[in-house]
Amino acid sequence: MARAARLWKDTDPVNVQAPRTTSRIALALAFLALACEKEPPPGATDAQERAEAPRAGSPVLPPELSPRAPTSAAAPPAEAPGVPAAPEGPWTGPWFAVTSPAAGIYSEMSFERSKKTGFIRSGGRTPVEPGKVEKKNCTGGWYKVHSGGYVCGNYGTTDLNHPDVRFATSQPNLKEILPYPYARNAKNGTPLYKTVPSREQMEKYEPYLKEKPKEEAPEKDAMAKAAADAVARSAAAAAAAAVTPDSALPIAAQEGATQLVPSPVTQDPEPDKPWWQQEDIKDRLHQMKLDSLSADSDDILAKRMVSGFYVAVDKTFRWNGRSWYKTTKGLVAPSDRMWQASGSSFKGVELDGTTYKLPLGWVYGGNKSAGTYNIDVDAKTIKNAKTVERFVALPLTGKYVELQGKEYAELTDGTYIKKSQIRITEPGPPPQGLAEGERYVDVDLSSQTLVAFEGGRAVYATLISSGKHSKNKEKDHSTPTGEWRIREKHITTTMDGDGTAAGDLPYSIEDVPFVQYYHRSFALHAAFWHSNFGVQMSHGCVNLAPLDAKWLFFFTGPHLPEGFHGVWSNESAAGSRVIVHD
């Protein structure tokens, strides 16, 4: 996503519970009255509900991600190295529900960052062992998480009927293409409120809501008005000349000019307009910085957005005759200034070795479809065969022919397609020291494709969008090549930045889905704001269609335990390898 981005991630919880303000309580009560829906508490009594709407980190996968049974004796074991199995069976013990913005999970009862193994966001629930351990560094006591690690009781409760549990953020919906609804801001200056504003407050922060001035009079009425104004000015000037000494008259009048020129009236300069109301702001958006968007924040206003920013929607509700979004960050945005975004339905293919196996190709880019041909190599003749749609996986034989100066790739049905119109999988050699059944990801920048492997067996293939390349060093966002391991995984995390080169615009996308960081701020992640897969599009990260990003998220290690929103790799849960090459 961003090469030198400032990443807004879920902040590490400290060992003191953040105070809840009166405005937060009022906002929560308003949402409860208008839009809140209480989830059934997790446990043995609601197994069916949890299966229908899995929570973040749940081992219950959506249909398109359900693992297939091994098709041959050579298939790797279901439990690959570094990907531990999830706990089996319904949990009958207590559940810990997080009511703070986030709660860290630690390998020991300590807040040391080196001990942190993951985190749970507001609304997340995870099974814990009965009882808790009192320690000075956590006044609420430490709970032992069933899947491993400890969570401080200051950041949640095991009382699932507690009001704060009802006010918590909705959990990602893993059955949909995107984990949340997303909305794109359409206008510069759209406010993000800390609480639901009153009508008076709306008009204060959004002056465009006030009644618009009446339309100008028709042209002939305007001309008549201008003539009347001219007559009035002449009369006023004549009256002034009758009582004003020559020394006070304009020079033209002193010299006997027939037309008096009134003295200019000095007016106070118009006060500076806010950035979002300035007429030329579209040409200067690259000068805007994220910090400046909060310059006029107060008890009501959190910040303003630039056109093109995205928010993740927790709830939609009506208030004061207007529709609103409550974001997953707990802020409030007017929906009439935004429109909802939908992710691409494109998805790569699982490789079964029969219907689909390497090499594969896809029509990509601006071509919605492409033609295939019957070619007689000996006679050097070519005839039209059929049309294939963009993003449909095309099994290839790996053979190519050149005819009339163009290169064609052979499909398994014996027809050919222009090589220039498709992206073809070209994974590199396996990494050194590969264990049997070890999972890794191969990213080919030249072909803009990705192939996932279990040991030496390719199991999944798809298109990507890597970083944009430029000969201008300042604008070059190329994805670096190398071999790394996945460092951390987040169901969602916000990415924003000011841009790293002249002309780059500030950006902010809340809760980018299925993010897997492997090197500094470079990651594999879903991109719902474009569907141009197979073409370089990003600021350096590897963009994937949402369904592909979701498949990979649950394929790679480290495994995401029940209820977790994010997890870090460690010695006992190594991250899968990511190999990026040209």
Foldseek 3Di string as FASTA:
>chain_A
DADPFDFFFQDADAQAFDDDDPQLVVQLVVCVVWPFDADDDFFPVCVVVCLVFPFPQDPNAAPVQPDDDDPDPQAFDPQFALADDEDDDTDHAFKWAFLGQKWFFFQDPDSDPVRTFFMFGWLFIFDFDPDFADDPSANQGWTATPVHTITHCSGTDSPCVDSSNRSTFDGFGNNDLGRFWKKFFAAFFFFWWLHDDDPVVCCVSPVVPPDDDDDDDPPVVVVVVVVVVVVVVQVVVVVCVVPDDLVPFDPCVVVPHPDGDDDDDDDDDDDDDPLRPDPCNVVVQLVDFPVVQQVPPDNITRGTDHGGAMFGFRTWGDDPNFIWGQGNVRIITGCVRIGIFFFDPQFWDWAPPPPDDPKKKFQADPDQKFWWWQADQVVLDIDTDGIGGGRDIFAFPPDWDDGPRFIWTATPVRITTTPVRIQIDDFDDDDPPFDQQAWAKTAEPVRQKIFIDGRPGTTIIGGKAFADADPPVQRGLGADFDKWFFFKWFQFTKIWRSGRHPPDGTYIYGTFGLWTDTDDPATEGEDRPDDRTRYHDDSHHIYDGSVHSSSVSCVWDDRRHRRTRMGGADPSNIGHMYGYDD
